[in-house]
Amino acid sequence: LTASATPECQGKHASHQVLIQNDAMVPEHTQAVLCDTLTITNKDSALRLVAFGPHDNHQPYDGVTEKLLKTGQSLTITLNAAGTYHFHDHLQDIAQGDFTVVK
């Protein structure tokens, strides 16, 4: 699936958090509703390259294909397309997660 839909997101929506810590995404799965936001924060000392889609076949979500995160840095996306999407640390592929967006 490609995230290309951009619905009008107005009003208040939930915010979801994923932490990269101890070489893992916590939580590994996030359940969300269209127009919620997802923030991925690097809590490890290692540099992380958060990428959407399967390893070596990155696909953009909310206009982001991959983003380099130093310790303490975050990436926030708006969940603007329904479906289940995979993300991972491209530099250390053991850290993986996914999120499901429903209408």
C-alpha atoms as a PDB file:
ATOM      1  CA  LEU A   1       0.000   0.000   0.000  1.00  0.00           C
ATOM      2  CA  THR A   2       1.126   3.520  -0.654  1.00  0.00           C
ATOM      3  CA  ALA A   3       0.021   6.371   1.528  1.00  0.00           C
ATOM      4  CA  SER A   4      -1.178   8.910  -0.979  1.00  0.00           C
ATOM      5  CA  ALA A   5      -4.571   9.928   0.400  1.00  0.00           C
ATOM      6  CA  THR A   6      -4.645  13.262   2.207  1.00  0.00           C
ATOM      7  CA  PRO A   7      -7.993  13.729   3.933  1.00  0.00           C
ATOM      8  CA  GLU A   8      -8.909  16.989   5.575  1.00  0.00           C
ATOM      9  CA  CYS A   9      -7.826  16.509   9.177  1.00  0.00           C
ATOM     10  CA  GLN A  10      -9.570  19.074  11.319  1.00  0.00           C
ATOM     11  CA  GLY A  11     -10.289  19.134  15.023  1.00  0.00           C
ATOM     12  CA  LYS A  12      -8.565  17.243  17.792  1.00  0.00           C
ATOM     13  CA  HIS A  13      -7.086  13.806  17.156  1.00  0.00           C
ATOM     14  CA  ALA A  14      -5.103  11.330  19.243  1.00  0.00           C
ATOM     15  CA  SER A  15      -1.312  11.380  19.441  1.00  0.00           C
ATOM     16  CA  HIS A  16       0.577   8.075  19.514  1.00  0.00           C
ATOM     17  CA  GLN A  17       4.181   7.615  20.666  1.00  0.00           C
ATOM     18  CA  VAL A  18       6.779   5.032  19.629  1.00  0.00           C
ATOM     19  CA  LEU A  19      10.168   4.962  21.351  1.00  0.00           C
ATOM     20  CA  ILE A  20      13.296   3.460  19.884  1.00  0.00           C
ATOM     21  CA  GLN A  21      15.052   2.013  22.911  1.00  0.00           C
ATOM     22  CA  ASN A  22      17.258  -1.024  23.555  1.00  0.00           C
ATOM     23  CA  ASP A  23      17.371  -1.671  19.770  1.00  0.00           C
ATOM     24  CA  ALA A  24      13.567  -2.067  19.566  1.00  0.00           C
ATOM     25  CA  MET A  25      10.440  -0.096  18.679  1.00  0.00           C
ATOM     26  CA  VAL A  26       8.202   0.250  21.750  1.00  0.00           C
ATOM     27  CA  PRO A  27       5.406  -0.553  21.160  1.00  0.00           C
ATOM     28  CA  GLU A  28       5.965  -2.700  18.071  1.00  0.00           C
ATOM     29  CA  HIS A  29       2.374  -2.124  16.882  1.00  0.00           C
ATOM     30  CA  THR A  30       0.190   0.988  17.072  1.00  0.00           C
ATOM     31  CA  GLN A  31      -3.551   1.007  16.358  1.00  0.00           C
ATOM     32  CA  ALA A  32      -4.817   4.439  15.265  1.00  0.00           C
ATOM     33  CA  VAL A  33      -7.620   6.331  13.557  1.00  0.00           C
ATOM     34  CA  LEU A  34      -7.326   8.436  10.404  1.00  0.00           C
ATOM     35  CA  CYS A  35      -5.885  11.901  11.181  1.00  0.00           C
ATOM     36  CA  ASP A  36      -4.169  10.830  14.432  1.00  0.00           C
ATOM     37  CA  THR A  37      -0.450  11.600  14.692  1.00  0.00           C
ATOM     38  CA  LEU A  38       2.445   9.217  15.333  1.00  0.00           C
ATOM     39  CA  THR A  39       5.695  10.408  16.876  1.00  0.00           C
ATOM     40  CA  ILE A  40       8.784   8.183  16.763  1.00  0.00           C
ATOM     41  CA  THR A  41      11.517   9.239  19.216  1.00  0.00           C
ATOM     42  CA  ASN A  42      15.075   7.900  19.398  1.00  0.00           C
ATOM     43  CA  LYS A  43      15.908   7.127  23.051  1.00  0.00           C
ATOM     44  CA  ASP A  44      19.008   5.045  22.196  1.00  0.00           C
ATOM     45  CA  SER A  45      22.545   6.416  22.005  1.00  0.00           C
ATOM     46  CA  ALA A  46      22.925   5.095  18.431  1.00  0.00           C
ATOM     47  CA  LEU A  47      22.003   7.090  15.336  1.00  0.00           C
ATOM     48  CA  ARG A  48      18.754   5.751  13.791  1.00  0.00           C
ATOM     49  CA  LEU A  49      17.491   5.985  10.208  1.00  0.00           C
ATOM     50  CA  VAL A  50      13.722   5.514  10.439  1.00  0.00           C
ATOM     51  CA  ALA A  51      12.384   4.249   7.114  1.00  0.00           C
ATOM     52  CA  PHE A  52       8.864   3.357   5.974  1.00  0.00           C
ATOM     53  CA  GLY A  53       8.145   0.170   4.036  1.00  0.00           C
ATOM     54  CA  PRO A  54      10.157  -3.047   3.977  1.00  0.00           C
ATOM     55  CA  HIS A  55      13.944  -3.010   4.296  1.00  0.00           C
ATOM     56  CA  ASP A  56      15.566  -1.924   1.002  1.00  0.00           C
ATOM     57  CA  ASN A  57      12.176  -1.063  -0.543  1.00  0.00           C
ATOM     58  CA  HIS A  58      11.289   2.139   1.278  1.00  0.00           C
ATOM     59  CA  GLN A  59       7.946   3.779   0.507  1.00  0.00           C
ATOM     60  CA  PRO A  60       6.858   7.246   1.631  1.00  0.00           C
ATOM     61  CA  TYR A  61       4.189   7.825   4.251  1.00  0.00           C
ATOM     62  CA  ASP A  62       2.943  11.394   4.855  1.00  0.00           C
ATOM     63  CA  GLY A  63       5.687  12.586   2.507  1.00  0.00           C
ATOM     64  CA  VAL A  64       8.505  10.916   4.497  1.00  0.00           C
ATOM     65  CA  THR A  65      10.486   7.995   3.110  1.00  0.00           C
ATOM     66  CA  GLU A  66      13.238   8.021   5.739  1.00  0.00           C
ATOM     67  CA  LYS A  67      14.528  10.337   8.456  1.00  0.00           C
ATOM     68  CA  LEU A  68      17.803  10.317  10.391  1.00  0.00           C
ATOM     69  CA  LEU A  69      17.265  10.663  14.165  1.00  0.00           C
ATOM     70  CA  LYS A  70      20.015  11.444  16.657  1.00  0.00           C
ATOM     71  CA  THR A  71      19.507  10.653  20.343  1.00  0.00           C
ATOM     72  CA  GLY A  72      16.470  12.591  21.623  1.00  0.00           C
ATOM     73  CA  GLN A  73      15.213  13.570  18.164  1.00  0.00           C
ATOM     74  CA  SER A  74      11.703  12.750  16.932  1.00  0.00           C
ATOM     75  CA  LEU A  75       9.740  12.350  13.735  1.00  0.00           C
ATOM     76  CA  THR A  76       5.999  13.137  13.734  1.00  0.00           C
ATOM     77  CA  ILE A  77       3.699  12.095  10.905  1.00  0.00           C
ATOM     78  CA  THR A  78      -0.027  12.566  10.356  1.00  0.00           C
ATOM     79  CA  LEU A  79      -1.768   9.251   9.776  1.00  0.00           C
ATOM     80  CA  ASN A  80      -3.501  10.273   6.571  1.00  0.00           C
ATOM     81  CA  ALA A  81      -4.046   6.940   4.813  1.00  0.00           C
ATOM     82  CA  ALA A  82      -5.874   3.860   6.057  1.00  0.00           C
ATOM     83  CA  GLY A  83      -4.085   0.505   6.101  1.00  0.00           C
ATOM     84  CA  THR A  84      -1.213  -1.211   7.877  1.00  0.00           C
ATOM     85  CA  TYR A  85       2.267   0.214   7.338  1.00  0.00           C
ATOM     86  CA  HIS A  86       5.707  -1.066   8.322  1.00  0.00           C
ATOM     87  CA  PHE A  87       8.643   1.017   9.561  1.00  0.00           C
ATOM     88  CA  HIS A  88      12.155   0.113  10.716  1.00  0.00           C
ATOM     89  CA  ASP A  89      15.608   1.398  11.545  1.00  0.00           C
ATOM     90  CA  HIS A  90      17.430   1.038   8.241  1.00  0.00           C
ATOM     91  CA  LEU A  91      20.822   1.069  10.002  1.00  0.00           C
ATOM     92  CA  GLN A  92      19.902  -1.742  12.425  1.00  0.00           C
ATOM     93  CA  ASP A  93      16.969  -3.619  10.929  1.00  0.00           C
ATOM     94  CA  ILE A  94      16.249  -5.518  14.174  1.00  0.00           C
ATOM     95  CA  ALA A  95      14.270  -2.435  15.351  1.00  0.00           C
ATOM     96  CA  GLN A  96      10.940  -2.721  13.513  1.00  0.00           C
ATOM     97  CA  GLY A  97       7.321  -1.780  14.009  1.00  0.00           C
ATOM     98  CA  ASP A  98       4.055  -1.139  12.243  1.00  0.00           C
ATOM     99  CA  PHE A  99       0.900   0.881  12.589  1.00  0.00           C
ATOM    100  CA  THR A 100      -2.665   0.266  11.479  1.00  0.00           C
ATOM    101  CA  VAL A 101      -4.867   3.223  10.545  1.00  0.00           C
ATOM    102  CA  VAL A 102      -8.657   2.805  10.380  1.00  0.00           C
ATOM    103  CA  LYS A 103     -11.338   5.266   9.274  1.00  0.00           C
END
